C-alpha atoms as a PDB file:
ATOM      1  CA  MET A   1       8.360 -28.823  -0.437  1.00  0.00           C
ATOM      2  CA  LYS A   2       9.150 -26.015  -2.893  1.00  0.00           C
ATOM      3  CA  PRO A   3       8.115 -22.707  -1.317  1.00  0.00           C
ATOM      4  CA  SER A   4      10.007 -20.505  -3.775  1.00  0.00           C
ATOM      5  CA  ILE A   5       8.301 -18.679  -6.623  1.00  0.00           C
ATOM      6  CA  THR A   6      10.098 -18.799  -9.973  1.00  0.00           C
ATOM      7  CA  GLN A   7      10.328 -15.817 -12.302  1.00  0.00           C
ATOM      8  CA  LYS A   8       7.819 -17.458 -14.652  1.00  0.00           C
ATOM      9  CA  GLU A   9       5.309 -17.833 -11.847  1.00  0.00           C
ATOM     10  CA  ARG A  10       5.441 -14.140 -10.950  1.00  0.00           C
ATOM     11  CA  ILE A  11       2.763 -11.814 -12.277  1.00  0.00           C
ATOM     12  CA  ALA A  12       4.732  -8.917 -13.756  1.00  0.00           C
ATOM     13  CA  SER A  13       1.884  -6.385 -13.622  1.00  0.00           C
ATOM     14  CA  LEU A  14       1.551  -6.856  -9.849  1.00  0.00           C
ATOM     15  CA  ASP A  15       5.259  -6.122  -9.359  1.00  0.00           C
ATOM     16  CA  ILE A  16       4.973  -2.935 -11.427  1.00  0.00           C
ATOM     17  CA  ILE A  17       1.914  -1.729  -9.514  1.00  0.00           C
ATOM     18  CA  ARG A  18       3.645  -2.609  -6.232  1.00  0.00           C
ATOM     19  CA  GLY A  19       6.687  -0.577  -7.326  1.00  0.00           C
ATOM     20  CA  LEU A  20       4.476   2.412  -8.177  1.00  0.00           C
ATOM     21  CA  ALA A  21       2.767   2.063  -4.787  1.00  0.00           C
ATOM     22  CA  LEU A  22       6.178   2.252  -3.109  1.00  0.00           C
ATOM     23  CA  LEU A  23       6.879   5.478  -5.004  1.00  0.00           C
ATOM     24  CA  GLY A  24       3.596   6.974  -3.829  1.00  0.00           C
ATOM     25  CA  ILE A  25       4.282   5.925  -0.234  1.00  0.00           C
ATOM     26  CA  LEU A  26       7.612   7.752  -0.454  1.00  0.00           C
ATOM     27  CA  PHE A  27       5.864  11.073  -1.094  1.00  0.00           C
ATOM     28  CA  ILE A  28       4.024  10.619   2.209  1.00  0.00           C
ATOM     29  CA  ASN A  29       6.846   9.171   4.302  1.00  0.00           C
ATOM     30  CA  VAL A  30       9.781  11.402   3.326  1.00  0.00           C
ATOM     31  CA  GLY A  31       8.517  14.308   5.417  1.00  0.00           C
ATOM     32  CA  ALA A  32       8.215  11.991   8.418  1.00  0.00           C
ATOM     33  CA  TYR A  33      11.851  10.876   8.215  1.00  0.00           C
ATOM     34  CA  GLN A  34      12.806  14.194   9.849  1.00  0.00           C
ATOM     35  CA  VAL A  35      11.215  14.375  13.293  1.00  0.00           C
ATOM     36  CA  LEU A  36       9.921  17.867  14.130  1.00  0.00           C
ATOM     37  CA  ILE A  37      10.849  19.265  17.533  1.00  0.00           C
ATOM     38  CA  GLU A  38       8.307  21.331  19.449  1.00  0.00           C
ATOM     39  CA  GLY A  39       9.213  24.983  19.112  1.00  0.00           C
ATOM     40  CA  GLY A  40      11.562  24.270  16.210  1.00  0.00           C
ATOM     41  CA  PRO A  41      11.263  25.345  12.552  1.00  0.00           C
ATOM     42  CA  ARG A  42       8.296  24.133  10.521  1.00  0.00           C
ATOM     43  CA  PRO A  43       8.088  23.291   6.792  1.00  0.00           C
ATOM     44  CA  ASP A  44       7.227  26.130   4.426  1.00  0.00           C
ATOM     45  CA  TYR A  45       3.791  25.706   2.858  1.00  0.00           C
ATOM     46  CA  SER A  46       3.674  28.998   0.965  1.00  0.00           C
ATOM     47  CA  GLY A  47       3.803  29.444  -2.813  1.00  0.00           C
ATOM     48  CA  ILE A  48       4.822  26.391  -4.816  1.00  0.00           C
ATOM     49  CA  ASN A  49       5.251  24.353  -1.630  1.00  0.00           C
ATOM     50  CA  GLY A  50       1.597  24.899  -0.793  1.00  0.00           C
ATOM     51  CA  VAL A  51       0.536  23.769  -4.262  1.00  0.00           C
ATOM     52  CA  ILE A  52       2.741  20.653  -4.099  1.00  0.00           C
ATOM     53  CA  ASN A  53       1.426  19.827  -0.631  1.00  0.00           C
ATOM     54  CA  SER A  54      -2.170  20.108  -1.852  1.00  0.00           C
ATOM     55  CA  LEU A  55      -1.458  17.912  -4.888  1.00  0.00           C
ATOM     56  CA  ILE A  56       0.142  15.238  -2.690  1.00  0.00           C
ATOM     57  CA  THR A  57      -2.865  15.429  -0.381  1.00  0.00           C
ATOM     58  CA  ILE A  58      -5.326  15.079  -3.273  1.00  0.00           C
ATOM     59  CA  PHE A  59      -3.681  12.408  -5.389  1.00  0.00           C
ATOM     60  CA  ILE A  60      -1.433  10.416  -3.044  1.00  0.00           C
ATOM     61  CA  GLU A  61      -2.345  10.578   0.648  1.00  0.00           C
ATOM     62  CA  LYS A  62      -4.070   7.355   1.822  1.00  0.00           C
ATOM     63  CA  LYS A  63      -4.372   6.123  -1.765  1.00  0.00           C
ATOM     64  CA  PHE A  64      -1.012   4.472  -2.330  1.00  0.00           C
ATOM     65  CA  PHE A  65      -0.767   2.674   0.980  1.00  0.00           C
ATOM     66  CA  SER A  66      -4.289   1.442   0.102  1.00  0.00           C
ATOM     67  CA  ILE A  67      -2.964   0.113  -3.231  1.00  0.00           C
ATOM     68  CA  PHE A  68      -0.131  -1.544  -1.305  1.00  0.00           C
ATOM     69  CA  SER A  69      -2.724  -3.069   1.042  1.00  0.00           C
ATOM     70  CA  PHE A  70      -4.756  -4.376  -1.918  1.00  0.00           C
ATOM     71  CA  LEU A  71      -1.656  -6.105  -3.247  1.00  0.00           C
ATOM     72  CA  PHE A  72      -1.022  -7.609   0.191  1.00  0.00           C
ATOM     73  CA  GLY A  73      -4.468  -9.216   0.013  1.00  0.00           C
ATOM     74  CA  ILE A  74      -3.650 -10.640  -3.409  1.00  0.00           C
ATOM     75  CA  GLY A  75      -0.351 -11.892  -2.029  1.00  0.00           C
ATOM     76  CA  PHE A  76      -2.139 -13.675   0.818  1.00  0.00           C
ATOM     77  CA  TYR A  77      -4.278 -15.712  -1.567  1.00  0.00           C
ATOM     78  CA  ILE A  78      -1.378 -16.512  -3.912  1.00  0.00           C
ATOM     79  CA  PHE A  79       0.857 -17.561  -1.004  1.00  0.00           C
ATOM     80  CA  ALA A  80      -1.804 -19.639   0.765  1.00  0.00           C
ATOM     81  CA  SER A  81      -3.123 -21.361  -2.375  1.00  0.00           C
ATOM     82  CA  ARG A  82       0.389 -22.298  -3.488  1.00  0.00           C
ATOM     83  CA  ALA A  83       1.165 -23.583   0.004  1.00  0.00           C
ATOM     84  CA  GLU A  84      -1.945 -25.764  -0.126  1.00  0.00           C
ATOM     85  CA  ALA A  85      -1.023 -27.051  -3.585  1.00  0.00           C
ATOM     86  CA  ARG A  86       2.314 -28.205  -2.146  1.00  0.00           C
ATOM     87  CA  GLY A  87       0.517 -30.119   0.612  1.00  0.00           C
ATOM     88  CA  ASP A  88       1.373 -27.513   3.269  1.00  0.00           C
ATOM     89  CA  GLN A  89      -1.100 -26.078   5.797  1.00  0.00           C
ATOM     90  CA  PRO A  90      -1.955 -22.706   4.176  1.00  0.00           C
ATOM     91  CA  LYS A  91      -3.447 -20.826   7.134  1.00  0.00           C
ATOM     92  CA  ARG A  92      -0.858 -22.050   9.609  1.00  0.00           C
ATOM     93  CA  ARG A  93       1.992 -21.213   7.217  1.00  0.00           C
ATOM     94  CA  PHE A  94       0.611 -17.758   6.520  1.00  0.00           C
ATOM     95  CA  ALA A  95       0.155 -17.138  10.254  1.00  0.00           C
ATOM     96  CA  ARG A  96       3.851 -17.889  10.696  1.00  0.00           C
ATOM     97  CA  ARG A  97       4.627 -15.542   7.813  1.00  0.00           C
ATOM     98  CA  LEU A  98       2.620 -12.807   9.536  1.00  0.00           C
ATOM     99  CA  MET A  99       4.462 -13.362  12.820  1.00  0.00           C
ATOM    100  CA  ALA A 100       7.748 -13.001  10.967  1.00  0.00           C
ATOM    101  CA  LEU A 101       6.524  -9.772   9.361  1.00  0.00           C
ATOM    102  CA  TRP A 102       5.430  -8.491  12.785  1.00  0.00           C
ATOM    103  CA  ILE A 103       8.923  -9.057  14.204  1.00  0.00           C
ATOM    104  CA  ILE A 104      10.516  -7.290  11.222  1.00  0.00           C
ATOM    105  CA  GLY A 105       7.995  -4.458  11.596  1.00  0.00           C
ATOM    106  CA  ILE A 106       8.701  -4.002  15.317  1.00  0.00           C
ATOM    107  CA  VAL A 107      12.435  -3.712  14.590  1.00  0.00           C
ATOM    108  CA  HIS A 108      11.703  -1.236  11.782  1.00  0.00           C
ATOM    109  CA  ILE A 109       9.651   0.974  14.116  1.00  0.00           C
ATOM    110  CA  VAL A 110      12.871   1.575  16.071  1.00  0.00           C
ATOM    111  CA  ILE A 111      14.315   3.127  12.892  1.00  0.00           C
ATOM    112  CA  PHE A 112      11.168   4.751  11.466  1.00  0.00           C
ATOM    113  CA  TRP A 113       8.224   5.471  13.738  1.00  0.00           C
ATOM    114  CA  GLY A 114       5.777   5.497  10.797  1.00  0.00           C
ATOM    115  CA  SER A 115       6.433   1.905   9.689  1.00  0.00           C
ATOM    116  CA  ILE A 116       3.245   0.066   8.673  1.00  0.00           C
ATOM    117  CA  LEU A 117       4.659  -3.474   8.683  1.00  0.00           C
ATOM    118  CA  ALA A 118       3.694  -4.424  12.248  1.00  0.00           C
ATOM    119  CA  MET A 119       0.151  -3.123  11.672  1.00  0.00           C
ATOM    120  CA  TYR A 120      -0.058  -5.073   8.395  1.00  0.00           C
ATOM    121  CA  ALA A 121       0.919  -8.238  10.238  1.00  0.00           C
ATOM    122  CA  VAL A 122      -1.731  -7.771  12.949  1.00  0.00           C
ATOM    123  CA  VAL A 123      -4.527  -6.866  10.512  1.00  0.00           C
ATOM    124  CA  GLY A 124      -3.431  -9.701   8.220  1.00  0.00           C
ATOM    125  CA  PHE A 125      -4.609 -12.273  10.775  1.00  0.00           C
ATOM    126  CA  LEU A 126      -8.175 -11.125  10.058  1.00  0.00           C
ATOM    127  CA  LEU A 127      -7.850 -12.572   6.553  1.00  0.00           C
ATOM    128  CA  LEU A 128      -7.321 -16.129   7.760  1.00  0.00           C
ATOM    129  CA  PRO A 129     -11.034 -16.962   8.345  1.00  0.00           C
ATOM    130  CA  PHE A 130     -11.823 -15.907   4.773  1.00  0.00           C
ATOM    131  CA  TYR A 131      -9.508 -18.394   3.071  1.00  0.00           C
ATOM    132  CA  ARG A 132     -12.204 -21.108   2.899  1.00  0.00           C
ATOM    133  CA  ALA A 133     -15.137 -18.697   2.616  1.00  0.00           C
ATOM    134  CA  GLN A 134     -17.478 -18.667  -0.372  1.00  0.00           C
ATOM    135  CA  MET A 135     -17.209 -15.733  -2.788  1.00  0.00           C
ATOM    136  CA  ALA A 136     -20.726 -14.567  -1.889  1.00  0.00           C
ATOM    137  CA  THR A 137     -19.786 -14.514   1.793  1.00  0.00           C
ATOM    138  CA  ILE A 138     -16.675 -12.435   1.087  1.00  0.00           C
ATOM    139  CA  ARG A 139     -18.730  -9.993  -1.005  1.00  0.00           C
ATOM    140  CA  GLN A 140     -21.260  -9.576   1.797  1.00  0.00           C
ATOM    141  CA  TRP A 141     -18.555  -8.930   4.387  1.00  0.00           C
ATOM    142  CA  LEU A 142     -16.767  -6.509   2.077  1.00  0.00           C
ATOM    143  CA  PHE A 143     -19.932  -4.566   1.296  1.00  0.00           C
ATOM    144  CA  THR A 144     -20.913  -4.407   4.982  1.00  0.00           C
ATOM    145  CA  ILE A 145     -17.497  -3.245   6.193  1.00  0.00           C
ATOM    146  CA  ILE A 146     -17.181  -0.632   3.437  1.00  0.00           C
ATOM    147  CA  THR A 147     -20.670   0.684   4.229  1.00  0.00           C
ATOM    148  CA  LEU A 148     -19.975   0.923   7.965  1.00  0.00           C
ATOM    149  CA  HIS A 149     -16.604   2.547   7.316  1.00  0.00           C
ATOM    150  CA  LEU A 150     -18.045   5.190   4.991  1.00  0.00           C
ATOM    151  CA  LEU A 151     -20.983   5.910   7.306  1.00  0.00           C
ATOM    152  CA  ALA A 152     -18.571   6.278  10.226  1.00  0.00           C
ATOM    153  CA  THR A 153     -16.407   8.673   8.211  1.00  0.00           C
ATOM    154  CA  VAL A 154     -19.467  10.753   7.283  1.00  0.00           C
ATOM    155  CA  GLY A 155     -20.346  10.748  10.988  1.00  0.00           C
ATOM    156  CA  GLN A 156     -16.889  12.143  11.750  1.00  0.00           C
ATOM    157  CA  LEU A 157     -17.601  15.014   9.376  1.00  0.00           C
ATOM    158  CA  LEU A 158     -20.904  15.792  11.070  1.00  0.00           C
ATOM    159  CA  MET A 159     -19.911  15.288  14.722  1.00  0.00           C
ATOM    160  CA  SER A 160     -17.225  17.180  16.586  1.00  0.00           C
ATOM    161  CA  THR A 161     -18.057  16.396  20.216  1.00  0.00           C
ATOM    162  CA  ASN A 162     -16.105  13.843  22.234  1.00  0.00           C
ATOM    163  CA  THR A 163     -19.075  11.563  22.880  1.00  0.00           C
ATOM    164  CA  ALA A 164     -19.133   7.779  23.050  1.00  0.00           C
ATOM    165  CA  LEU A 165     -20.691   7.752  19.582  1.00  0.00           C
ATOM    166  CA  SER A 166     -17.924   9.918  18.139  1.00  0.00           C
ATOM    167  CA  ILE A 167     -15.304   7.594  19.635  1.00  0.00           C
ATOM    168  CA  ALA A 168     -17.031   4.604  18.000  1.00  0.00           C
ATOM    169  CA  LEU A 169     -17.114   6.485  14.693  1.00  0.00           C
ATOM    170  CA  ASN A 170     -13.398   7.190  14.983  1.00  0.00           C
ATOM    171  CA  VAL A 171     -12.705   3.481  15.471  1.00  0.00           C
ATOM    172  CA  LEU A 172     -14.792   2.423  12.452  1.00  0.00           C
ATOM    173  CA  GLY A 173     -13.500   5.262  10.308  1.00  0.00           C
ATOM    174  CA  ASN A 174      -9.773   4.949  10.974  1.00  0.00           C
ATOM    175  CA  ASP A 175      -7.020   3.827   8.599  1.00  0.00           C
ATOM    176  CA  THR A 176      -6.811   0.330  10.079  1.00  0.00           C
ATOM    177  CA  ILE A 177     -10.287  -0.419   8.720  1.00  0.00           C
ATOM    178  CA  THR A 178      -9.225   0.973   5.338  1.00  0.00           C
ATOM    179  CA  ILE A 179      -6.240  -1.382   5.340  1.00  0.00           C
ATOM    180  CA  PHE A 180      -8.450  -4.387   6.073  1.00  0.00           C
ATOM    181  CA  ILE A 181     -10.968  -3.373   3.385  1.00  0.00           C
ATOM    182  CA  MET A 182      -8.182  -3.260   0.820  1.00  0.00           C
ATOM    183  CA  PHE A 183      -6.700  -6.534   2.118  1.00  0.00           C
ATOM    184  CA  LEU A 184     -10.069  -8.213   1.637  1.00  0.00           C
ATOM    185  CA  SER A 185     -10.602  -6.545  -1.757  1.00  0.00           C
ATOM    186  CA  GLY A 186      -7.282  -7.866  -3.035  1.00  0.00           C
ATOM    187  CA  PHE A 187      -7.988 -11.309  -1.612  1.00  0.00           C
ATOM    188  CA  TYR A 188     -11.407 -11.375  -3.296  1.00  0.00           C
ATOM    189  CA  VAL A 189      -9.980 -10.376  -6.697  1.00  0.00           C
ATOM    190  CA  ALA A 190      -7.259 -13.039  -6.452  1.00  0.00           C
ATOM    191  CA  LYS A 191      -9.663 -15.761  -5.289  1.00  0.00           C
ATOM    192  CA  ALA A 192     -12.026 -14.850  -8.154  1.00  0.00           C
ATOM    193  CA  ARG A 193      -9.086 -15.429 -10.556  1.00  0.00           C
ATOM    194  CA  TRP A 194      -9.213 -11.929 -11.992  1.00  0.00           C
ATOM    195  CA  ILE A 195      -5.445 -11.589 -11.673  1.00  0.00           C
ATOM    196  CA  ASN A 196      -4.708 -14.654 -13.785  1.00  0.00           C
ATOM    197  CA  HIS A 197      -7.288 -13.730 -16.441  1.00  0.00           C
ATOM    198  CA  ILE A 198      -7.194  -9.922 -16.671  1.00  0.00           C
ATOM    199  CA  GLN A 199      -8.321  -9.857 -20.290  1.00  0.00           C
ATOM    200  CA  GLN A 200     -11.313 -12.055 -19.495  1.00  0.00           C
ATOM    201  CA  TYR A 201     -12.444  -9.662 -16.748  1.00  0.00           C
ATOM    202  CA  MET A 202     -11.529  -6.440 -18.547  1.00  0.00           C
ATOM    203  CA  HIS A 203     -15.224  -5.544 -18.905  1.00  0.00           C
ATOM    204  CA  ASN A 204     -15.647  -5.691 -15.115  1.00  0.00           C
ATOM    205  CA  ILE A 205     -12.492  -3.640 -14.572  1.00  0.00           C
ATOM    206  CA  LYS A 206     -13.661  -0.959 -17.000  1.00  0.00           C
ATOM    207  CA  ARG A 207     -17.044  -0.866 -15.282  1.00  0.00           C
ATOM    208  CA  ILE A 208     -15.290  -0.200 -11.963  1.00  0.00           C
ATOM    209  CA  LEU A 209     -13.321   2.554 -13.707  1.00  0.00           C
ATOM    210  CA  TYR A 210     -16.482   4.247 -15.025  1.00  0.00           C
ATOM    211  CA  ILE A 211     -18.303   3.975 -11.680  1.00  0.00           C
ATOM    212  CA  THR A 212     -15.434   5.335  -9.569  1.00  0.00           C
ATOM    213  CA  CYS A 213     -14.255   8.067 -11.978  1.00  0.00           C
ATOM    214  CA  PRO A 214     -16.938  10.611 -10.891  1.00  0.00           C
ATOM    215  CA  PHE A 215     -16.060   9.920  -7.235  1.00  0.00           C
ATOM    216  CA  PHE A 216     -12.368  10.470  -8.006  1.00  0.00           C
ATOM    217  CA  ILE A 217     -13.095  13.821  -9.681  1.00  0.00           C
ATOM    218  CA  GLY A 218     -15.563  14.918  -7.001  1.00  0.00           C
ATOM    219  CA  PHE A 219     -13.334  14.057  -4.053  1.00  0.00           C
ATOM    220  CA  SER A 220     -10.280  15.575  -5.733  1.00  0.00           C
ATOM    221  CA  LEU A 221     -12.103  18.899  -6.039  1.00  0.00           C
ATOM    222  CA  TRP A 222     -13.501  18.654  -2.507  1.00  0.00           C
ATOM    223  CA  ILE A 223     -10.064  17.934  -1.020  1.00  0.00           C
ATOM    224  CA  TRP A 224      -8.530  20.823  -2.983  1.00  0.00           C
ATOM    225  CA  PHE A 225     -11.025  23.372  -1.707  1.00  0.00           C
ATOM    226  CA  ALA A 226     -10.885  21.934   1.826  1.00  0.00           C
ATOM    227  CA  SER A 227      -7.092  22.144   1.883  1.00  0.00           C
ATOM    228  CA  GLN A 228      -7.136  25.722   0.612  1.00  0.00           C
ATOM    229  CA  ALA A 229      -9.674  26.669   3.291  1.00  0.00           C
ATOM    230  CA  ASP A 230      -7.766  24.840   6.092  1.00  0.00           C
ATOM    231  CA  ASN A 231     -10.897  22.786   6.754  1.00  0.00           C
ATOM    232  CA  SER A 232     -10.623  21.048  10.135  1.00  0.00           C
ATOM    233  CA  HIS A 233     -12.293  17.960   8.653  1.00  0.00           C
ATOM    234  CA  LEU A 234      -9.738  17.585   5.841  1.00  0.00           C
ATOM    235  CA  GLN A 235      -8.477  14.178   7.046  1.00  0.00           C
ATOM    236  CA  ALA A 236     -12.030  12.813   7.246  1.00  0.00           C
ATOM    237  CA  ILE A 237     -12.698  14.036   3.688  1.00  0.00           C
ATOM    238  CA  ILE A 238      -9.503  12.339   2.477  1.00  0.00           C
ATOM    239  CA  SER A 239     -10.540   9.108   4.240  1.00  0.00           C
ATOM    240  CA  LEU A 240     -14.012   9.258   2.703  1.00  0.00           C
ATOM    241  CA  GLY A 241     -12.556   9.420  -0.798  1.00  0.00           C
ATOM    242  CA  ALA A 242      -9.713   6.951  -0.251  1.00  0.00           C
ATOM    243  CA  ILE A 243     -11.547   3.719  -1.139  1.00  0.00           C
ATOM    244  CA  PRO A 244     -13.344   4.825  -4.344  1.00  0.00           C
ATOM    245  CA  THR A 245     -10.201   6.669  -5.497  1.00  0.00           C
ATOM    246  CA  THR A 246      -8.023   3.612  -4.835  1.00  0.00           C
ATOM    247  CA  TYR A 247     -10.412   1.413  -6.827  1.00  0.00           C
ATOM    248  CA  PHE A 248     -10.229   3.990  -9.646  1.00  0.00           C
ATOM    249  CA  TYR A 249      -6.407   3.975  -9.565  1.00  0.00           C
ATOM    250  CA  LEU A 250      -6.286   0.174  -9.555  1.00  0.00           C
ATOM    251  CA  ALA A 251      -8.692  -0.099 -12.489  1.00  0.00           C
ATOM    252  CA  CYS A 252      -6.566   2.407 -14.441  1.00  0.00           C
ATOM    253  CA  LEU A 253      -3.353   0.558 -13.600  1.00  0.00           C
ATOM    254  CA  PHE A 254      -4.651  -2.888 -14.556  1.00  0.00           C
ATOM    255  CA  ILE A 255      -5.952  -1.509 -17.859  1.00  0.00           C
ATOM    256  CA  LEU A 256      -2.593   0.158 -18.540  1.00  0.00           C
ATOM    257  CA  MET A 257      -0.659  -2.978 -17.578  1.00  0.00           C
ATOM    258  CA  ASP A 258      -2.632  -4.903 -20.192  1.00  0.00           C
ATOM    259  CA  ASN A 259      -0.531  -2.975 -22.727  1.00  0.00           C
ATOM    260  CA  LYS A 260       2.477  -5.262 -23.213  1.00  0.00           C
ATOM    261  CA  GLN A 261       4.756  -2.518 -24.546  1.00  0.00           C
ATOM    262  CA  LEU A 262       4.048  -0.245 -21.590  1.00  0.00           C
ATOM    263  CA  ALA A 263       4.512  -3.134 -19.154  1.00  0.00           C
ATOM    264  CA  LYS A 264       7.890  -3.898 -20.718  1.00  0.00           C
ATOM    265  CA  LEU A 265       8.902  -0.224 -20.477  1.00  0.00           C
ATOM    266  CA  LEU A 266       8.012  -0.181 -16.778  1.00  0.00           C
ATOM    267  CA  GLN A 267       9.820  -3.431 -16.013  1.00  0.00           C
ATOM    268  CA  PRO A 268      12.569  -1.650 -13.975  1.00  0.00           C
ATOM    269  CA  ILE A 269       9.828  -0.351 -11.650  1.00  0.00           C
ATOM    270  CA  GLY A 270       8.596  -3.923 -11.436  1.00  0.00           C
ATOM    271  CA  ARG A 271      12.006  -4.910 -10.099  1.00  0.00           C
ATOM    272  CA  VAL A 272      11.489  -2.456  -7.227  1.00  0.00           C
ATOM    273  CA  GLY A 273       8.104  -4.050  -6.536  1.00  0.00           C
ATOM    274  CA  GLN A 274       9.604  -7.529  -6.740  1.00  0.00           C
ATOM    275  CA  MET A 275      11.790  -6.555  -3.763  1.00  0.00           C
ATOM    276  CA  ALA A 276       9.027  -4.605  -2.009  1.00  0.00           C
ATOM    277  CA  LEU A 277       9.938  -5.530   1.574  1.00  0.00           C
ATOM    278  CA  THR A 278      13.629  -4.759   1.097  1.00  0.00           C
ATOM    279  CA  ASN A 279      12.910  -1.489  -0.661  1.00  0.00           C
ATOM    280  CA  TYR A 280      10.298  -0.387   1.873  1.00  0.00           C
ATOM    281  CA  LEU A 281      12.755  -0.985   4.721  1.00  0.00           C
ATOM    282  CA  LEU A 282      15.623   0.729   2.900  1.00  0.00           C
ATOM    283  CA  GLN A 283      13.568   3.796   1.955  1.00  0.00           C
ATOM    284  CA  SER A 284      13.706   5.146   5.498  1.00  0.00           C
ATOM    285  CA  LEU A 285      17.459   4.576   5.825  1.00  0.00           C
ATOM    286  CA  ILE A 286      18.276   6.125   2.437  1.00  0.00           C
ATOM    287  CA  GLY A 287      15.889   9.015   3.095  1.00  0.00           C
ATOM    288  CA  MET A 288      17.435   9.831   6.463  1.00  0.00           C
ATOM    289  CA  MET A 289      20.927   9.736   4.919  1.00  0.00           C
ATOM    290  CA  ILE A 290      19.926  12.092   2.095  1.00  0.00           C
ATOM    291  CA  ILE A 291      18.222  14.530   4.483  1.00  0.00           C
ATOM    292  CA  SER A 292      21.347  14.509   6.665  1.00  0.00           C
ATOM    293  CA  LEU A 293      23.658  15.071   3.675  1.00  0.00           C
ATOM    294  CA  MET A 294      21.453  17.946   2.491  1.00  0.00           C
ATOM    295  CA  GLY A 295      21.581  19.448   5.996  1.00  0.00           C
ATOM    296  CA  LEU A 296      17.820  19.963   6.138  1.00  0.00           C
ATOM    297  CA  GLU A 297      16.278  20.959   9.470  1.00  0.00           C
ATOM    298  CA  VAL A 298      12.812  20.520   7.998  1.00  0.00           C
ATOM    299  CA  VAL A 299      11.570  18.871   4.807  1.00  0.00           C
ATOM    300  CA  SER A 300       9.360  21.083   2.646  1.00  0.00           C
ATOM    301  CA  PRO A 301       6.966  19.619   0.035  1.00  0.00           C
ATOM    302  CA  SER A 302       9.383  20.553  -2.768  1.00  0.00           C
ATOM    303  CA  ASP A 303      12.201  18.825  -0.857  1.00  0.00           C
ATOM    304  CA  THR A 304       9.912  15.805  -0.505  1.00  0.00           C
ATOM    305  CA  VAL A 305       9.475  15.505  -4.276  1.00  0.00           C
ATOM    306  CA  VAL A 306      13.222  15.753  -4.949  1.00  0.00           C
ATOM    307  CA  ILE A 307      14.209  13.322  -2.187  1.00  0.00           C
ATOM    308  CA  ALA A 308      11.471  10.815  -3.086  1.00  0.00           C
ATOM    309  CA  LEU A 309      12.575  10.742  -6.736  1.00  0.00           C
ATOM    310  CA  ILE A 310      16.243  10.367  -5.765  1.00  0.00           C
ATOM    311  CA  ILE A 311      15.431   7.468  -3.427  1.00  0.00           C
ATOM    312  CA  PHE A 312      13.304   5.756  -6.059  1.00  0.00           C
ATOM    313  CA  MET A 313      15.955   6.110  -8.766  1.00  0.00           C
ATOM    314  CA  ILE A 314      18.510   4.585  -6.382  1.00  0.00           C
ATOM    315  CA  GLN A 315      16.119   1.733  -5.680  1.00  0.00           C
ATOM    316  CA  ILE A 316      15.456   1.075  -9.364  1.00  0.00           C
ATOM    317  CA  PHE A 317      19.209   0.844  -9.998  1.00  0.00           C
ATOM    318  CA  PHE A 318      19.800  -1.300  -6.898  1.00  0.00           C
ATOM    319  CA  SER A 319      16.882  -3.656  -7.609  1.00  0.00           C
ATOM    320  CA  VAL A 320      17.761  -4.214 -11.271  1.00  0.00           C
ATOM    321  CA  ILE A 321      21.400  -4.975 -10.413  1.00  0.00           C
ATOM    322  CA  TRP A 322      20.547  -7.165  -7.406  1.00  0.00           C
ATOM    323  CA  LEU A 323      18.073  -9.317  -9.330  1.00  0.00           C
ATOM    324  CA  LYS A 324      20.652  -9.986 -12.038  1.00  0.00           C
ATOM    325  CA  PHE A 325      22.605 -11.999  -9.473  1.00  0.00           C
ATOM    326  CA  PHE A 326      19.953 -13.144  -6.979  1.00  0.00           C
ATOM    327  CA  THR A 327      16.405 -14.445  -7.274  1.00  0.00           C
ATOM    328  CA  ILE A 328      14.971 -12.464  -4.330  1.00  0.00           C
ATOM    329  CA  GLY A 329      15.858  -9.447  -2.197  1.00  0.00           C
ATOM    330  CA  PRO A 330      17.894  -9.792   1.020  1.00  0.00           C
ATOM    331  CA  PHE A 331      14.989  -9.072   3.374  1.00  0.00           C
ATOM    332  CA  GLU A 332      12.660 -11.255   1.298  1.00  0.00           C
ATOM    333  CA  LYS A 333      15.179 -14.055   1.889  1.00  0.00           C
ATOM    334  CA  LEU A 334      15.163 -13.342   5.623  1.00  0.00           C
ATOM    335  CA  TRP A 335      11.347 -13.291   5.652  1.00  0.00           C
ATOM    336  CA  ARG A 336      11.262 -16.596   3.789  1.00  0.00           C
ATOM    337  CA  TYR A 337      13.716 -18.159   6.233  1.00  0.00           C
ATOM    338  CA  MET A 338      11.614 -16.956   9.174  1.00  0.00           C
ATOM    339  CA  THR A 339       8.494 -18.370   7.498  1.00  0.00           C
ATOM    340  CA  TYR A 340       9.828 -21.834   6.682  1.00  0.00           C
ATOM    341  CA  GLY A 341      12.563 -22.236   9.273  1.00  0.00           C
ATOM    342  CA  LYS A 342      15.171 -23.438   6.803  1.00  0.00           C
ATOM    343  CA  LYS A 343      17.004 -22.292   3.734  1.00  0.00           C
ATOM    344  CA  THR A 344      15.104 -22.486   0.472  1.00  0.00           C
ATOM    345  CA  VAL A 345      16.415 -22.183  -3.031  1.00  0.00           C
ATOM    346  CA  ALA A 346      14.435 -20.908  -6.031  1.00  0.00           C
ATOM    347  CA  LYS A 347      14.278 -23.248  -8.971  1.00  0.00           C
END
């Protein structure tokens, strides 16, 4: 058995997009590294901080963890199909991989309450029945779940009472459903072989770009005005625009990554994405250290930008240096060991 993935087998564009997703997630998570105490000071949202906060809300919130989720779905298909090609049991092996991720995620929650790893592991089990499914079946499920999710989110905008219906709408419209939609979207794209033949499917990708662009513009404007007016339904509006905006971002990124010169220029970011688990886990530790060194009681939006960029620059440097001497990141190695139960060596 050869479970390791060589450098030649990796898809560089996916690593770059994964690295960019980690940067976007930082802009959301940094503020959560400093726990606010009831009655204590609150971040300043006046002036430039208010503008930065609105821009993060419009362009980043719920979009970049959705991109990360999409890539997780791609990763599921790549992992499972390669396992099957080796004569392994793909669903059973991936289930073990998810259990390992769940354990890592539970430990991480002790350090950072906002960790998404344990949730990813639980939701990831829902992908297992789709591994053998026909493409048409996956499309039907994806369309149905997206429709129900969007209708539920619209219902949240229209209903404010705590009725049984509103509770059901909250369940269907929450972020967990968004994560699964993006998992399944990524899985579908990988199973359809788009990832291995981007140029062949460029027409489809551009069509997605053209269809979702008006939604991206419309929701961006709607979120801006809602945030300026302190609209109580702001989170529901953000959720409603998350899926079309994420598809728009992904289409843009895959088109950009088709440019070989740009992809080469962004290769250091790809190194961060290549060690995504390690870097995601270390972000919280580095962030907490920086906030402590800066002596911040609260983290303002402007502080968030500075700290996020510092963390990411550290991670670019660390990832590039680490991968000069090792084939995978330290926590990727741990995850692999927990998945296979023995040491494995890349070839």
